[in-house]
Amino acid sequence: MSEITGLPVAETGSVDAARFEVEIAHSYHPVVMRGLAADWPAVRAARISNRAIGDHIIKFDGGRSADVMVAQDQVRGRFFYNDDLSGFNFERAKAPIPTLVEQLIALQDVPGAPAIYAGAAAAGEFLPGWAEANVLPLPTPNAVPRVWIGNESRVSTHYDVSSNVAVVVAGSRRFCLFPPSRGRTCMSARST
């Protein structure tokens, strides 16, 4: 079982396409598939250093500026509304992927650094070749591979309309799932 608070979440090692299709894809229950992307060049780079994964990302740069959110230290990475609910507690900007990566690397050991992230950027548009170099070995027809690049952040509760396969390439990520009928489940994922 995964590091979980609340309800149990199934966990398995890496799965092949056939097993995914039969056992996981249509079950509509969360499953942790450890090691699924362990052989990705991106994961290998992340094991070396933040600089190595940064360089790996930059080599796929498609020249487009991504939507970036920036929240100051006092909100502790929680992207949300401001105190009086008149707006947000973060700023939006546009930045080329190499600029974003370099800024994140520069801030990695800076106390009080802002939380910065670009989320849901379509890999084919922003990092052409990424999905072909880091192949998800599962049948996900019609799915658009997307990337999230950032430092420590917390995103508010939301509903994803489509099913997701989340791959943690570097660092860690915590998911809190709220099934409609049973309460809340939280699980943590770390890069392999």
N, C-alpha and C. Protein backbone atom coordinates (compact mmCIF):
# COMPACT_ATOMS: atom_id res chain seq x y z
N MET A 1 0.84 -1.20 0.00
CA MET A 1 0.00 0.00 0.00
C MET A 1 0.87 1.25 0.00
N SER A 2 0.36 2.28 -0.53
CA SER A 2 1.06 3.56 -0.59
C SER A 2 0.98 4.27 0.75
N GLU A 3 1.77 5.37 0.89
CA GLU A 3 1.67 6.22 2.07
C GLU A 3 0.33 6.92 1.98
N ILE A 4 -0.61 6.48 2.77
CA ILE A 4 -1.97 6.94 2.60
C ILE A 4 -2.59 7.31 3.93
N THR A 5 -3.43 8.33 3.89
CA THR A 5 -4.28 8.69 5.00
C THR A 5 -5.70 8.45 4.54
N GLY A 6 -6.48 7.74 5.30
CA GLY A 6 -7.87 7.50 4.88
C GLY A 6 -8.02 6.14 4.26
N LEU A 7 -8.66 6.07 3.14
CA LEU A 7 -8.95 4.80 2.48
C LEU A 7 -7.72 4.23 1.80
N PRO A 8 -7.65 2.91 1.72
CA PRO A 8 -6.50 2.30 1.04
C PRO A 8 -6.53 2.55 -0.47
N VAL A 9 -5.35 2.65 -1.05
CA VAL A 9 -5.20 2.79 -2.50
C VAL A 9 -4.36 1.62 -2.98
N ALA A 10 -4.84 0.93 -3.98
CA ALA A 10 -4.12 -0.22 -4.52
C ALA A 10 -2.76 0.23 -5.05
N GLU A 11 -1.81 -0.66 -4.93
CA GLU A 11 -0.47 -0.38 -5.44
C GLU A 11 0.04 -1.60 -6.17
N THR A 12 0.73 -1.36 -7.27
CA THR A 12 1.31 -2.43 -8.05
C THR A 12 2.65 -1.96 -8.58
N GLY A 13 3.45 -2.89 -9.01
CA GLY A 13 4.67 -2.51 -9.72
C GLY A 13 4.29 -2.05 -11.11
N SER A 14 5.26 -1.91 -11.94
CA SER A 14 5.01 -1.49 -13.31
C SER A 14 4.07 -2.49 -13.99
N VAL A 15 3.20 -1.99 -14.82
CA VAL A 15 2.26 -2.86 -15.53
C VAL A 15 2.46 -2.70 -17.03
N ASP A 16 2.08 -3.74 -17.76
CA ASP A 16 2.15 -3.62 -19.22
C ASP A 16 0.81 -3.11 -19.75
N ALA A 17 0.77 -2.84 -21.03
CA ALA A 17 -0.42 -2.24 -21.65
C ALA A 17 -1.65 -3.12 -21.51
N ALA A 18 -1.48 -4.43 -21.68
CA ALA A 18 -2.63 -5.34 -21.60
C ALA A 18 -3.21 -5.37 -20.19
N ARG A 19 -2.37 -5.48 -19.20
CA ARG A 19 -2.85 -5.51 -17.81
C ARG A 19 -3.50 -4.18 -17.44
N PHE A 20 -2.91 -3.08 -17.88
CA PHE A 20 -3.49 -1.77 -17.61
C PHE A 20 -4.91 -1.69 -18.19
N GLU A 21 -5.05 -2.11 -19.43
CA GLU A 21 -6.35 -2.04 -20.11
C GLU A 21 -7.40 -2.89 -19.39
N VAL A 22 -7.03 -4.09 -18.99
CA VAL A 22 -7.99 -5.02 -18.38
C VAL A 22 -8.28 -4.69 -16.92
N GLU A 23 -7.23 -4.39 -16.13
CA GLU A 23 -7.40 -4.28 -14.68
C GLU A 23 -7.54 -2.86 -14.14
N ILE A 24 -7.01 -1.87 -14.85
CA ILE A 24 -6.90 -0.54 -14.24
C ILE A 24 -7.70 0.52 -14.97
N ALA A 25 -7.57 0.61 -16.27
CA ALA A 25 -8.10 1.75 -17.04
C ALA A 25 -9.58 2.00 -16.82
N HIS A 26 -10.36 0.97 -16.69
CA HIS A 26 -11.81 1.14 -16.61
C HIS A 26 -12.38 0.89 -15.21
N SER A 27 -11.50 0.76 -14.23
CA SER A 27 -11.99 0.47 -12.86
C SER A 27 -12.42 1.74 -12.13
N TYR A 28 -11.94 2.89 -12.57
CA TYR A 28 -12.28 4.17 -11.95
C TYR A 28 -11.92 4.21 -10.47
N HIS A 29 -10.80 3.60 -10.14
CA HIS A 29 -10.25 3.64 -8.80
C HIS A 29 -8.77 3.99 -8.92
N PRO A 30 -8.24 4.76 -7.97
CA PRO A 30 -6.81 5.09 -8.04
C PRO A 30 -5.93 3.88 -7.82
N VAL A 31 -4.83 3.85 -8.55
CA VAL A 31 -3.83 2.80 -8.43
C VAL A 31 -2.46 3.45 -8.54
N VAL A 32 -1.57 3.11 -7.65
CA VAL A 32 -0.18 3.56 -7.74
C VAL A 32 0.59 2.48 -8.49
N MET A 33 1.22 2.88 -9.60
CA MET A 33 1.99 1.95 -10.43
C MET A 33 3.47 2.31 -10.31
N ARG A 34 4.12 1.82 -9.29
CA ARG A 34 5.52 2.16 -9.04
C ARG A 34 6.43 1.64 -10.15
N GLY A 35 7.36 2.47 -10.55
CA GLY A 35 8.36 2.07 -11.52
C GLY A 35 7.92 2.14 -12.97
N LEU A 36 6.70 2.62 -13.22
CA LEU A 36 6.18 2.67 -14.58
C LEU A 36 7.10 3.46 -15.52
N ALA A 37 7.68 4.53 -15.01
CA ALA A 37 8.53 5.39 -15.84
C ALA A 37 10.00 5.36 -15.39
N ALA A 38 10.37 4.33 -14.67
CA ALA A 38 11.73 4.26 -14.12
C ALA A 38 12.82 4.34 -15.17
N ASP A 39 12.52 3.91 -16.39
CA ASP A 39 13.53 3.91 -17.45
C ASP A 39 13.48 5.14 -18.35
N TRP A 40 12.62 6.08 -18.04
CA TRP A 40 12.55 7.30 -18.84
C TRP A 40 13.87 8.06 -18.76
N PRO A 41 14.33 8.63 -19.85
CA PRO A 41 15.51 9.49 -19.78
C PRO A 41 15.32 10.65 -18.80
N ALA A 42 14.10 11.17 -18.69
CA ALA A 42 13.84 12.27 -17.76
C ALA A 42 14.03 11.82 -16.32
N VAL A 43 13.58 10.63 -15.98
CA VAL A 43 13.74 10.11 -14.62
C VAL A 43 15.22 9.85 -14.33
N ARG A 44 15.93 9.30 -15.30
CA ARG A 44 17.37 9.08 -15.11
C ARG A 44 18.09 10.41 -14.87
N ALA A 45 17.71 11.44 -15.62
CA ALA A 45 18.33 12.76 -15.43
C ALA A 45 18.00 13.31 -14.06
N ALA A 46 16.77 13.15 -13.62
CA ALA A 46 16.36 13.67 -12.31
C ALA A 46 17.11 12.99 -11.17
N ARG A 47 17.47 11.73 -11.36
CA ARG A 47 18.25 11.03 -10.32
C ARG A 47 19.65 11.62 -10.18
N ILE A 48 20.15 12.23 -11.24
CA ILE A 48 21.49 12.81 -11.21
C ILE A 48 21.47 14.13 -10.44
N SER A 49 20.60 15.06 -10.85
CA SER A 49 20.55 16.37 -10.19
C SER A 49 19.43 17.21 -10.78
N ASN A 50 19.11 18.28 -10.09
CA ASN A 50 18.15 19.25 -10.63
C ASN A 50 18.68 19.89 -11.91
N ARG A 51 19.97 20.12 -11.97
CA ARG A 51 20.58 20.68 -13.18
C ARG A 51 20.40 19.72 -14.35
N ALA A 52 20.60 18.42 -14.11
CA ALA A 52 20.48 17.43 -15.19
C ALA A 52 19.05 17.35 -15.71
N ILE A 53 18.05 17.33 -14.82
CA ILE A 53 16.67 17.28 -15.30
C ILE A 53 16.32 18.61 -15.97
N GLY A 54 16.84 19.70 -15.45
CA GLY A 54 16.62 21.00 -16.09
C GLY A 54 17.15 21.02 -17.51
N ASP A 55 18.35 20.51 -17.70
CA ASP A 55 18.94 20.46 -19.04
C ASP A 55 18.13 19.54 -19.95
N HIS A 56 17.66 18.43 -19.38
CA HIS A 56 16.84 17.50 -20.17
C HIS A 56 15.56 18.18 -20.65
N ILE A 57 14.92 18.92 -19.79
CA ILE A 57 13.69 19.63 -20.17
C ILE A 57 13.99 20.68 -21.24
N ILE A 58 15.03 21.47 -21.01
CA ILE A 58 15.37 22.57 -21.92
C ILE A 58 15.67 22.08 -23.32
N LYS A 59 16.25 20.89 -23.46
CA LYS A 59 16.60 20.42 -24.80
C LYS A 59 15.37 20.16 -25.67
N PHE A 60 14.19 20.08 -25.05
CA PHE A 60 12.95 19.89 -25.81
C PHE A 60 12.20 21.20 -26.04
N ASP A 61 12.76 22.31 -25.62
CA ASP A 61 12.04 23.59 -25.70
C ASP A 61 11.51 23.86 -27.09
N GLY A 62 10.22 24.18 -27.16
CA GLY A 62 9.59 24.48 -28.43
C GLY A 62 9.50 25.96 -28.72
N GLY A 63 10.06 26.80 -27.83
CA GLY A 63 10.09 28.24 -28.08
C GLY A 63 8.83 28.99 -27.67
N ARG A 64 7.88 28.33 -27.05
CA ARG A 64 6.65 28.99 -26.62
C ARG A 64 6.74 29.39 -25.15
N SER A 65 6.10 30.47 -24.81
CA SER A 65 6.03 30.90 -23.41
C SER A 65 4.84 30.20 -22.74
N ALA A 66 5.10 29.65 -21.58
CA ALA A 66 4.07 28.94 -20.81
C ALA A 66 3.40 29.89 -19.82
N ASP A 67 2.17 29.56 -19.45
CA ASP A 67 1.50 30.27 -18.37
C ASP A 67 2.12 29.83 -17.06
N VAL A 68 2.57 30.80 -16.28
CA VAL A 68 3.28 30.52 -15.03
C VAL A 68 2.56 31.23 -13.90
N MET A 69 2.43 30.54 -12.77
CA MET A 69 1.88 31.13 -11.56
C MET A 69 3.01 31.34 -10.55
N VAL A 70 2.97 32.50 -9.88
CA VAL A 70 4.00 32.84 -8.91
C VAL A 70 3.31 33.30 -7.63
N ALA A 71 3.61 32.62 -6.52
CA ALA A 71 3.05 32.98 -5.21
C ALA A 71 4.19 33.28 -4.25
N GLN A 72 4.08 34.37 -3.54
CA GLN A 72 5.13 34.75 -2.60
C GLN A 72 5.19 33.80 -1.41
N ASP A 73 6.30 33.81 -0.70
CA ASP A 73 6.59 32.88 0.38
C ASP A 73 5.49 32.82 1.45
N GLN A 74 4.89 33.95 1.78
CA GLN A 74 3.93 33.97 2.89
C GLN A 74 2.71 33.08 2.67
N VAL A 75 2.41 32.70 1.44
CA VAL A 75 1.27 31.80 1.21
C VAL A 75 1.71 30.33 1.24
N ARG A 76 2.98 30.10 1.47
CA ARG A 76 3.56 28.76 1.61
C ARG A 76 3.17 27.81 0.47
N GLY A 77 3.18 28.32 -0.74
CA GLY A 77 2.94 27.50 -1.91
C GLY A 77 1.49 27.15 -2.16
N ARG A 78 0.58 27.73 -1.39
CA ARG A 78 -0.85 27.41 -1.56
C ARG A 78 -1.49 28.41 -2.52
N PHE A 79 -1.68 28.00 -3.74
CA PHE A 79 -2.30 28.84 -4.76
C PHE A 79 -3.80 28.85 -4.51
N PHE A 80 -4.33 30.04 -4.19
CA PHE A 80 -5.73 30.13 -3.76
C PHE A 80 -6.21 31.55 -3.96
N TYR A 81 -7.32 31.89 -3.33
CA TYR A 81 -7.83 33.26 -3.32
C TYR A 81 -7.06 34.08 -2.30
N ASN A 82 -7.10 35.41 -2.44
CA ASN A 82 -6.48 36.26 -1.43
C ASN A 82 -7.40 36.31 -0.20
N ASP A 83 -6.94 36.94 0.88
CA ASP A 83 -7.66 36.91 2.16
C ASP A 83 -9.09 37.45 2.08
N ASP A 84 -9.33 38.49 1.30
CA ASP A 84 -10.69 39.05 1.24
C ASP A 84 -11.49 38.49 0.05
N LEU A 85 -10.97 37.47 -0.61
CA LEU A 85 -11.62 36.78 -1.72
C LEU A 85 -11.93 37.69 -2.91
N SER A 86 -11.18 38.77 -3.04
CA SER A 86 -11.40 39.70 -4.15
C SER A 86 -10.53 39.37 -5.36
N GLY A 87 -9.68 38.39 -5.24
CA GLY A 87 -8.78 38.01 -6.32
C GLY A 87 -7.97 36.81 -5.87
N PHE A 88 -6.84 36.62 -6.49
CA PHE A 88 -6.00 35.48 -6.16
C PHE A 88 -4.79 35.91 -5.33
N ASN A 89 -4.16 34.94 -4.65
CA ASN A 89 -2.97 35.23 -3.85
C ASN A 89 -1.68 34.99 -4.64
N PHE A 90 -1.80 34.91 -5.95
CA PHE A 90 -0.65 34.69 -6.81
C PHE A 90 -0.77 35.56 -8.06
N GLU A 91 0.33 35.69 -8.76
CA GLU A 91 0.38 36.44 -10.00
C GLU A 91 0.52 35.46 -11.17
N ARG A 92 0.00 35.85 -12.30
CA ARG A 92 0.16 35.06 -13.52
C ARG A 92 1.17 35.78 -14.42
N ALA A 93 1.96 34.98 -15.10
CA ALA A 93 2.94 35.55 -16.03
C ALA A 93 3.12 34.56 -17.19
N LYS A 94 3.87 34.97 -18.16
CA LYS A 94 4.27 34.10 -19.27
C LYS A 94 5.79 34.01 -19.23
N ALA A 95 6.32 32.83 -19.45
CA ALA A 95 7.77 32.67 -19.48
C ALA A 95 8.14 31.52 -20.40
N PRO A 96 9.22 31.67 -21.15
CA PRO A 96 9.73 30.54 -21.92
C PRO A 96 10.16 29.43 -20.96
N ILE A 97 10.03 28.19 -21.37
CA ILE A 97 10.40 27.05 -20.52
C ILE A 97 11.85 27.16 -20.02
N PRO A 98 12.84 27.49 -20.87
CA PRO A 98 14.20 27.60 -20.34
C PRO A 98 14.33 28.65 -19.23
N THR A 99 13.63 29.76 -19.36
CA THR A 99 13.67 30.80 -18.32
C THR A 99 13.07 30.27 -17.02
N LEU A 100 11.94 29.58 -17.12
CA LEU A 100 11.30 28.99 -15.95
C LEU A 100 12.24 27.99 -15.27
N VAL A 101 12.82 27.09 -16.04
CA VAL A 101 13.72 26.08 -15.48
C VAL A 101 14.92 26.73 -14.80
N GLU A 102 15.54 27.71 -15.46
CA GLU A 102 16.71 28.37 -14.86
C GLU A 102 16.33 29.09 -13.56
N GLN A 103 15.17 29.71 -13.54
CA GLN A 103 14.74 30.39 -12.32
C GLN A 103 14.51 29.39 -11.19
N LEU A 104 13.88 28.28 -11.48
CA LEU A 104 13.65 27.26 -10.46
C LEU A 104 14.96 26.71 -9.91
N ILE A 105 15.91 26.47 -10.78
CA ILE A 105 17.22 25.97 -10.33
C ILE A 105 17.91 27.02 -9.47
N ALA A 106 17.85 28.28 -9.87
CA ALA A 106 18.48 29.36 -9.09
C ALA A 106 17.85 29.51 -7.71
N LEU A 107 16.56 29.20 -7.59
CA LEU A 107 15.84 29.39 -6.31
C LEU A 107 15.82 28.15 -5.44
N GLN A 108 16.38 27.04 -5.90
CA GLN A 108 16.21 25.77 -5.20
C GLN A 108 16.68 25.77 -3.75
N ASP A 109 17.68 26.52 -3.40
CA ASP A 109 18.17 26.55 -2.02
C ASP A 109 17.98 27.91 -1.36
N VAL A 110 17.12 28.74 -1.90
CA VAL A 110 16.91 30.09 -1.38
C VAL A 110 15.76 30.07 -0.37
N PRO A 111 16.05 30.38 0.91
CA PRO A 111 14.97 30.44 1.89
C PRO A 111 13.97 31.53 1.51
N GLY A 112 12.69 31.23 1.66
CA GLY A 112 11.66 32.22 1.36
C GLY A 112 11.43 32.44 -0.13
N ALA A 113 11.89 31.50 -0.95
CA ALA A 113 11.69 31.65 -2.40
C ALA A 113 10.20 31.54 -2.73
N PRO A 114 9.76 32.23 -3.76
CA PRO A 114 8.36 32.11 -4.15
C PRO A 114 8.07 30.72 -4.73
N ALA A 115 6.80 30.33 -4.65
CA ALA A 115 6.35 29.11 -5.31
C ALA A 115 6.07 29.46 -6.76
N ILE A 116 6.61 28.68 -7.67
CA ILE A 116 6.47 28.96 -9.10
C ILE A 116 6.14 27.67 -9.81
N TYR A 117 5.12 27.72 -10.67
CA TYR A 117 4.89 26.55 -11.49
C TYR A 117 4.13 26.88 -12.76
N ALA A 118 4.39 26.06 -13.75
CA ALA A 118 3.63 26.05 -15.01
C ALA A 118 2.94 24.70 -15.02
N GLY A 119 1.62 24.70 -15.18
CA GLY A 119 0.89 23.45 -15.11
C GLY A 119 0.09 23.16 -16.35
N ALA A 120 -0.05 21.89 -16.63
CA ALA A 120 -0.87 21.38 -17.72
C ALA A 120 -0.45 21.87 -19.10
N ALA A 121 0.83 22.13 -19.26
CA ALA A 121 1.33 22.55 -20.58
C ALA A 121 1.38 21.34 -21.49
N ALA A 122 0.72 21.43 -22.63
CA ALA A 122 0.71 20.32 -23.58
C ALA A 122 2.14 20.05 -24.05
N ALA A 123 2.62 18.85 -23.80
CA ALA A 123 4.01 18.51 -24.12
C ALA A 123 4.32 18.74 -25.59
N GLY A 124 3.43 18.37 -26.48
CA GLY A 124 3.69 18.53 -27.91
C GLY A 124 3.87 19.96 -28.35
N GLU A 125 3.23 20.89 -27.65
CA GLU A 125 3.34 22.31 -27.99
C GLU A 125 4.53 22.97 -27.32
N PHE A 126 4.78 22.66 -26.07
CA PHE A 126 5.82 23.34 -25.30
C PHE A 126 7.14 22.58 -25.27
N LEU A 127 7.08 21.26 -25.31
CA LEU A 127 8.28 20.43 -25.29
C LEU A 127 8.17 19.36 -26.38
N PRO A 128 8.19 19.77 -27.65
CA PRO A 128 8.05 18.78 -28.73
C PRO A 128 9.14 17.71 -28.64
N GLY A 129 8.72 16.47 -28.74
CA GLY A 129 9.65 15.34 -28.65
C GLY A 129 9.70 14.73 -27.26
N TRP A 130 9.20 15.45 -26.25
CA TRP A 130 9.22 14.94 -24.86
C TRP A 130 8.50 13.59 -24.76
N ALA A 131 7.28 13.52 -25.24
CA ALA A 131 6.48 12.29 -25.11
C ALA A 131 7.10 11.14 -25.89
N GLU A 132 7.76 11.44 -27.00
CA GLU A 132 8.41 10.39 -27.78
C GLU A 132 9.68 9.89 -27.10
N ALA A 133 10.35 10.74 -26.35
CA ALA A 133 11.56 10.34 -25.63
C ALA A 133 11.24 9.68 -24.30
N ASN A 134 10.10 10.04 -23.72
CA ASN A 134 9.68 9.52 -22.42
C ASN A 134 8.31 8.87 -22.61
N VAL A 135 8.33 7.67 -23.14
CA VAL A 135 7.11 7.00 -23.60
C VAL A 135 6.35 6.39 -22.43
N LEU A 136 5.07 6.73 -22.34
CA LEU A 136 4.18 6.09 -21.38
C LEU A 136 3.71 4.79 -22.03
N PRO A 137 4.08 3.64 -21.45
CA PRO A 137 3.80 2.37 -22.12
C PRO A 137 2.37 1.86 -21.88
N LEU A 138 1.41 2.76 -21.85
CA LEU A 138 0.03 2.38 -21.58
C LEU A 138 -0.88 2.89 -22.68
N PRO A 139 -1.97 2.19 -22.92
CA PRO A 139 -2.92 2.70 -23.91
C PRO A 139 -3.72 3.86 -23.33
N THR A 140 -3.51 5.04 -23.86
CA THR A 140 -4.24 6.23 -23.42
C THR A 140 -4.71 6.98 -24.65
N PRO A 141 -5.64 6.37 -25.40
CA PRO A 141 -6.09 7.01 -26.64
C PRO A 141 -6.71 8.37 -26.36
N ASN A 142 -6.43 9.29 -27.23
CA ASN A 142 -6.97 10.66 -27.15
C ASN A 142 -6.40 11.48 -26.00
N ALA A 143 -5.50 10.92 -25.21
CA ALA A 143 -4.91 11.69 -24.10
C ALA A 143 -3.81 12.60 -24.64
N VAL A 144 -3.76 13.81 -24.14
CA VAL A 144 -2.72 14.76 -24.50
C VAL A 144 -1.69 14.77 -23.37
N PRO A 145 -0.45 14.31 -23.62
CA PRO A 145 0.56 14.38 -22.56
C PRO A 145 0.80 15.83 -22.14
N ARG A 146 0.79 16.06 -20.85
CA ARG A 146 0.98 17.40 -20.30
C ARG A 146 2.08 17.37 -19.25
N VAL A 147 2.73 18.52 -19.06
CA VAL A 147 3.80 18.61 -18.07
C VAL A 147 3.48 19.70 -17.05
N TRP A 148 3.92 19.45 -15.84
CA TRP A 148 3.88 20.43 -14.75
C TRP A 148 5.33 20.62 -14.33
N ILE A 149 5.77 21.85 -14.30
CA ILE A 149 7.15 22.15 -13.91
C ILE A 149 7.09 23.21 -12.82
N GLY A 150 7.69 22.93 -11.68
CA GLY A 150 7.66 23.93 -10.62
C GLY A 150 8.38 23.45 -9.38
N ASN A 151 8.33 24.31 -8.37
CA ASN A 151 8.87 23.95 -7.07
C ASN A 151 7.68 23.66 -6.15
N GLU A 152 7.89 23.71 -4.86
CA GLU A 152 6.84 23.32 -3.91
C GLU A 152 5.60 24.20 -4.05
N SER A 153 4.48 23.54 -4.27
CA SER A 153 3.22 24.27 -4.40
C SER A 153 2.08 23.36 -3.96
N ARG A 154 0.98 24.00 -3.61
CA ARG A 154 -0.25 23.29 -3.25
C ARG A 154 -1.39 23.90 -4.06
N VAL A 155 -2.11 23.06 -4.74
CA VAL A 155 -3.20 23.52 -5.59
C VAL A 155 -4.52 23.17 -4.91
N SER A 156 -5.48 24.06 -5.00
CA SER A 156 -6.78 23.87 -4.36
C SER A 156 -7.51 22.66 -4.91
N THR A 157 -8.43 22.17 -4.12
CA THR A 157 -9.27 21.06 -4.53
C THR A 157 -9.96 21.40 -5.85
N HIS A 158 -9.96 20.45 -6.75
CA HIS A 158 -10.60 20.64 -8.04
C HIS A 158 -11.06 19.29 -8.58
N TYR A 159 -11.83 19.33 -9.62
CA TYR A 159 -12.36 18.13 -10.25
C TYR A 159 -11.77 17.99 -11.64
N ASP A 160 -11.11 16.88 -11.91
CA ASP A 160 -10.59 16.61 -13.24
C ASP A 160 -11.65 15.83 -14.01
N VAL A 161 -12.04 16.35 -15.14
CA VAL A 161 -13.09 15.73 -15.94
C VAL A 161 -12.63 14.40 -16.52
N SER A 162 -11.37 14.32 -16.93
CA SER A 162 -10.86 13.10 -17.54
C SER A 162 -10.05 12.29 -16.54
N SER A 163 -9.86 11.02 -16.86
CA SER A 163 -8.98 10.17 -16.07
C SER A 163 -7.54 10.64 -16.29
N ASN A 164 -6.68 10.35 -15.34
CA ASN A 164 -5.30 10.81 -15.41
C ASN A 164 -4.32 9.70 -15.08
N VAL A 165 -3.16 9.75 -15.71
CA VAL A 165 -2.00 8.98 -15.29
C VAL A 165 -0.96 10.03 -14.95
N ALA A 166 -0.66 10.18 -13.67
CA ALA A 166 0.32 11.17 -13.23
C ALA A 166 1.66 10.49 -13.01
N VAL A 167 2.70 10.99 -13.65
CA VAL A 167 4.04 10.44 -13.51
C VAL A 167 4.87 11.48 -12.78
N VAL A 168 5.46 11.08 -11.67
CA VAL A 168 6.34 11.99 -10.92
C VAL A 168 7.76 11.72 -11.38
N VAL A 169 8.29 12.64 -12.18
CA VAL A 169 9.62 12.48 -12.76
C VAL A 169 10.70 12.87 -11.75
N ALA A 170 10.48 13.97 -11.02
CA ALA A 170 11.46 14.46 -10.06
C ALA A 170 10.72 15.00 -8.85
N GLY A 171 11.33 14.85 -7.69
CA GLY A 171 10.71 15.38 -6.48
C GLY A 171 9.60 14.48 -5.98
N SER A 172 8.59 15.09 -5.39
CA SER A 172 7.47 14.32 -4.86
C SER A 172 6.18 15.07 -5.10
N ARG A 173 5.09 14.34 -4.99
CA ARG A 173 3.79 14.94 -5.20
C ARG A 173 2.80 14.22 -4.31
N ARG A 174 1.90 14.97 -3.72
CA ARG A 174 0.88 14.37 -2.86
C ARG A 174 -0.48 14.64 -3.48
N PHE A 175 -1.28 13.60 -3.57
CA PHE A 175 -2.62 13.69 -4.13
C PHE A 175 -3.62 13.42 -3.02
N CYS A 176 -4.62 14.24 -2.90
CA CYS A 176 -5.74 13.97 -2.00
C CYS A 176 -6.95 13.73 -2.89
N LEU A 177 -7.51 12.55 -2.79
CA LEU A 177 -8.63 12.16 -3.64
C LEU A 177 -9.90 12.12 -2.79
N PHE A 178 -10.97 12.63 -3.34
CA PHE A 178 -12.24 12.67 -2.66
C PHE A 178 -13.27 11.88 -3.46
N PRO A 179 -13.43 10.58 -3.19
CA PRO A 179 -14.43 9.83 -3.93
C PRO A 179 -15.83 10.30 -3.54
N PRO A 180 -16.73 10.37 -4.48
CA PRO A 180 -18.06 10.91 -4.20
C PRO A 180 -18.79 10.21 -3.06
N SER A 181 -18.56 8.93 -2.88
CA SER A 181 -19.35 8.18 -1.91
C SER A 181 -18.65 7.88 -0.60
N ARG A 182 -17.36 8.18 -0.46
CA ARG A 182 -16.66 7.64 0.70
C ARG A 182 -15.75 8.59 1.45
N GLY A 183 -15.70 9.82 1.19
CA GLY A 183 -14.78 10.67 1.94
C GLY A 183 -13.51 10.96 1.20
N ARG A 184 -12.40 11.02 1.90
CA ARG A 184 -11.14 11.50 1.34
C ARG A 184 -10.06 10.43 1.43
N THR A 185 -9.19 10.40 0.43
CA THR A 185 -8.01 9.55 0.42
C THR A 185 -6.83 10.41 0.02
N CYS A 186 -5.74 10.34 0.77
CA CYS A 186 -4.53 11.07 0.41
C CYS A 186 -3.42 10.06 0.17
N MET A 187 -2.59 10.31 -0.82
CA MET A 187 -1.45 9.46 -1.08
C MET A 187 -0.30 10.31 -1.56
N SER A 188 0.90 9.83 -1.28
CA SER A 188 2.10 10.56 -1.70
C SER A 188 2.81 9.76 -2.77
N ALA A 189 3.40 10.46 -3.71
CA ALA A 189 4.16 9.82 -4.78
C ALA A 189 5.51 10.52 -4.86
N ARG A 190 6.54 9.75 -5.07
CA ARG A 190 7.89 10.27 -5.25
C ARG A 190 8.42 9.75 -6.57
N SER A 191 9.37 10.48 -7.12
CA SER A 191 9.99 9.99 -8.35
C SER A 191 10.70 8.69 -8.05
N THR A 192 10.81 7.84 -9.07
CA THR A 192 11.41 6.52 -8.87
C THR A 192 12.90 6.59 -8.98
